[in-house]
């Protein structure tokens, strides 16, 4: 994609904007939550944020306490 620089007016080629999304499978998220017993440690091991873990669970209709207690 070509973008025009606001400062100099020159066209610059950009190969995608932003960082790539995470695609951590639900099974790996659940396994790490069970082992770590919490979102903070599991997120650190997986290299993501605790909010991402909650998001993955919500998309799949699960809750944190249900996954940890199984």
N, C-alpha and C. Protein backbone atom coordinates (compact mmCIF):
# COMPACT_ATOMS: atom_id res chain seq x y z
N UNK A 1 0.85 -1.15 0.00
CA UNK A 1 0.00 0.00 0.00
C UNK A 1 0.90 1.23 0.00
N UNK A 2 0.55 2.22 -0.78
CA UNK A 2 1.31 3.46 -0.85
C UNK A 2 0.66 4.51 0.04
N UNK A 3 1.51 5.19 0.82
CA UNK A 3 1.06 6.24 1.73
C UNK A 3 1.85 7.49 1.41
N UNK A 4 1.19 8.63 1.45
CA UNK A 4 1.85 9.91 1.19
C UNK A 4 2.30 10.50 2.52
N UNK A 5 3.59 10.82 2.61
CA UNK A 5 4.15 11.41 3.83
C UNK A 5 3.57 12.82 4.02
N UNK A 6 3.11 13.10 5.24
CA UNK A 6 2.52 14.40 5.53
C UNK A 6 3.57 15.51 5.59
N UNK A 7 4.81 15.14 5.89
CA UNK A 7 5.87 16.15 6.03
C UNK A 7 6.48 16.55 4.69
N UNK A 8 6.87 15.54 3.88
CA UNK A 8 7.58 15.86 2.64
C UNK A 8 6.75 15.64 1.38
N UNK A 9 5.61 14.97 1.46
CA UNK A 9 4.76 14.74 0.32
C UNK A 9 5.19 13.59 -0.57
N UNK A 10 6.22 12.88 -0.17
CA UNK A 10 6.73 11.77 -0.96
C UNK A 10 5.91 10.50 -0.68
N UNK A 11 5.72 9.67 -1.71
CA UNK A 11 4.99 8.41 -1.55
C UNK A 11 5.93 7.36 -0.94
N UNK A 12 5.41 6.65 0.05
CA UNK A 12 6.18 5.63 0.75
C UNK A 12 5.41 4.32 0.67
N UNK A 13 6.12 3.22 0.40
CA UNK A 13 5.50 1.90 0.34
C UNK A 13 5.44 1.31 1.74
N UNK A 14 4.25 0.89 2.17
CA UNK A 14 4.05 0.32 3.49
C UNK A 14 3.52 -1.10 3.32
N UNK A 15 4.14 -2.04 4.02
CA UNK A 15 3.74 -3.45 3.91
C UNK A 15 2.87 -3.87 5.10
N UNK A 16 1.75 -3.29 5.27
CA UNK A 16 0.85 -3.65 6.36
C UNK A 16 1.01 -2.70 7.53
N UNK A 17 -0.07 -2.46 8.19
CA UNK A 17 -0.05 -1.56 9.34
C UNK A 17 -0.35 -2.33 10.60
N UNK A 18 0.30 -1.98 11.67
CA UNK A 18 0.08 -2.64 12.95
C UNK A 18 0.82 -3.95 13.05
N UNK A 19 0.69 -4.58 14.18
CA UNK A 19 1.36 -5.86 14.39
C UNK A 19 0.42 -7.00 14.04
N UNK A 20 0.99 -8.16 13.85
CA UNK A 20 0.19 -9.34 13.53
C UNK A 20 -0.60 -9.79 14.76
N UNK A 21 -1.80 -10.27 14.53
CA UNK A 21 -2.63 -10.75 15.62
C UNK A 21 -2.14 -12.08 16.17
N UNK A 22 -2.50 -12.34 17.39
CA UNK A 22 -2.14 -13.61 18.02
C UNK A 22 -3.18 -14.65 17.64
N UNK A 23 -2.76 -15.85 17.40
CA UNK A 23 -3.67 -16.95 17.12
C UNK A 23 -3.33 -18.12 18.04
N UNK A 24 -3.54 -17.93 19.31
CA UNK A 24 -3.25 -18.98 20.28
C UNK A 24 -4.50 -19.86 20.39
N UNK A 25 -4.37 -21.15 20.11
CA UNK A 25 -5.54 -22.05 20.17
C UNK A 25 -6.14 -22.13 21.57
N UNK A 26 -7.44 -22.37 21.61
CA UNK A 26 -8.17 -22.46 22.87
C UNK A 26 -7.59 -23.54 23.79
N UNK A 27 -7.20 -24.66 23.23
CA UNK A 27 -6.68 -25.76 24.06
C UNK A 27 -5.40 -25.35 24.79
N UNK A 28 -4.54 -24.61 24.12
CA UNK A 28 -3.30 -24.15 24.76
C UNK A 28 -3.61 -23.13 25.84
N UNK A 29 -4.56 -22.24 25.57
CA UNK A 29 -4.96 -21.25 26.58
C UNK A 29 -5.50 -21.96 27.82
N UNK A 30 -6.39 -22.92 27.63
CA UNK A 30 -6.99 -23.63 28.76
C UNK A 30 -5.95 -24.43 29.54
N UNK A 31 -5.05 -25.12 28.83
CA UNK A 31 -4.01 -25.90 29.50
C UNK A 31 -3.12 -25.02 30.37
N UNK A 32 -2.71 -23.88 29.84
CA UNK A 32 -1.86 -22.98 30.60
C UNK A 32 -2.59 -22.36 31.79
N UNK A 33 -3.87 -22.08 31.63
CA UNK A 33 -4.64 -21.54 32.75
C UNK A 33 -4.76 -22.57 33.88
N UNK A 34 -4.95 -23.83 33.51
CA UNK A 34 -5.06 -24.88 34.54
C UNK A 34 -3.74 -25.06 35.28
N UNK A 35 -2.64 -25.00 34.55
CA UNK A 35 -1.33 -25.20 35.17
C UNK A 35 -0.97 -24.01 36.06
N UNK A 36 -1.20 -22.81 35.57
CA UNK A 36 -0.79 -21.60 36.28
C UNK A 36 -1.79 -21.12 37.33
N UNK A 37 -3.03 -21.60 37.24
CA UNK A 37 -4.10 -21.22 38.18
C UNK A 37 -4.43 -19.73 38.16
N UNK A 38 -4.15 -19.06 37.05
CA UNK A 38 -4.49 -17.64 36.95
C UNK A 38 -4.09 -17.05 35.62
N UNK A 39 -4.69 -15.93 35.30
CA UNK A 39 -4.48 -15.31 33.99
C UNK A 39 -3.12 -14.62 33.88
N UNK A 40 -2.63 -14.03 34.96
CA UNK A 40 -1.38 -13.27 34.88
C UNK A 40 -0.19 -14.16 34.52
N UNK A 41 -0.03 -15.25 35.22
CA UNK A 41 1.10 -16.14 34.95
C UNK A 41 0.95 -16.85 33.61
N UNK A 42 -0.27 -17.25 33.28
CA UNK A 42 -0.50 -17.92 32.00
C UNK A 42 -0.22 -16.98 30.84
N UNK A 43 -0.62 -15.73 30.97
CA UNK A 43 -0.38 -14.75 29.91
C UNK A 43 1.11 -14.51 29.73
N UNK A 44 1.83 -14.47 30.83
CA UNK A 44 3.28 -14.28 30.76
C UNK A 44 3.94 -15.44 30.03
N UNK A 45 3.51 -16.66 30.32
CA UNK A 45 4.06 -17.84 29.64
C UNK A 45 3.75 -17.84 28.15
N UNK A 46 2.56 -17.40 27.79
CA UNK A 46 2.13 -17.41 26.40
C UNK A 46 2.59 -16.19 25.62
N UNK A 47 3.08 -15.18 26.31
CA UNK A 47 3.54 -13.97 25.63
C UNK A 47 2.40 -13.08 25.15
N UNK A 48 1.34 -13.01 25.93
CA UNK A 48 0.20 -12.17 25.57
C UNK A 48 -0.28 -11.47 26.84
N UNK A 49 -1.37 -10.74 26.73
CA UNK A 49 -1.93 -10.05 27.90
C UNK A 49 -3.02 -10.91 28.53
N UNK A 50 -3.28 -10.71 29.81
CA UNK A 50 -4.40 -11.41 30.44
C UNK A 50 -5.73 -11.11 29.76
N UNK A 51 -5.88 -9.89 29.25
CA UNK A 51 -7.12 -9.52 28.55
C UNK A 51 -7.32 -10.39 27.31
N UNK A 52 -6.24 -10.74 26.63
CA UNK A 52 -6.34 -11.61 25.45
C UNK A 52 -6.89 -12.97 25.86
N UNK A 53 -6.44 -13.49 27.00
CA UNK A 53 -6.93 -14.79 27.47
C UNK A 53 -8.42 -14.73 27.76
N UNK A 54 -8.85 -13.66 28.43
CA UNK A 54 -10.28 -13.49 28.70
C UNK A 54 -11.07 -13.40 27.41
N UNK A 55 -10.51 -12.72 26.42
CA UNK A 55 -11.18 -12.56 25.13
C UNK A 55 -11.37 -13.91 24.43
N UNK A 56 -10.31 -14.73 24.43
CA UNK A 56 -10.40 -16.06 23.81
C UNK A 56 -11.46 -16.90 24.50
N UNK A 57 -11.50 -16.85 25.82
CA UNK A 57 -12.50 -17.62 26.56
C UNK A 57 -13.91 -17.11 26.27
N UNK A 58 -14.08 -15.79 26.23
CA UNK A 58 -15.40 -15.21 25.98
C UNK A 58 -15.93 -15.59 24.59
N UNK A 59 -15.05 -15.55 23.59
CA UNK A 59 -15.45 -15.91 22.23
C UNK A 59 -15.96 -17.35 22.18
N UNK A 60 -15.37 -18.22 23.01
CA UNK A 60 -15.74 -19.63 23.01
C UNK A 60 -16.78 -19.98 24.08
N UNK A 61 -17.34 -18.97 24.74
CA UNK A 61 -18.41 -19.19 25.71
C UNK A 61 -17.96 -19.81 27.02
N UNK A 62 -16.71 -19.55 27.41
CA UNK A 62 -16.18 -20.10 28.66
C UNK A 62 -15.89 -18.98 29.65
N UNK A 63 -15.77 -19.37 30.91
CA UNK A 63 -15.40 -18.42 31.95
C UNK A 63 -14.13 -18.92 32.62
N UNK A 64 -13.36 -18.00 33.15
CA UNK A 64 -12.06 -18.33 33.75
C UNK A 64 -12.21 -19.37 34.86
N UNK A 65 -13.16 -19.17 35.76
CA UNK A 65 -13.30 -20.08 36.90
C UNK A 65 -13.68 -21.49 36.44
N UNK A 66 -14.45 -21.60 35.39
CA UNK A 66 -14.83 -22.92 34.88
C UNK A 66 -13.63 -23.67 34.31
N UNK A 67 -12.76 -22.95 33.63
CA UNK A 67 -11.59 -23.58 33.03
C UNK A 67 -10.59 -24.00 34.10
N UNK A 68 -10.36 -23.14 35.08
CA UNK A 68 -9.37 -23.45 36.13
C UNK A 68 -9.84 -24.57 37.02
N UNK A 69 -11.12 -24.64 37.32
CA UNK A 69 -11.64 -25.67 38.24
C UNK A 69 -11.84 -27.03 37.63
N UNK A 70 -11.75 -27.15 36.30
CA UNK A 70 -11.94 -28.47 35.67
C UNK A 70 -10.77 -29.35 35.86
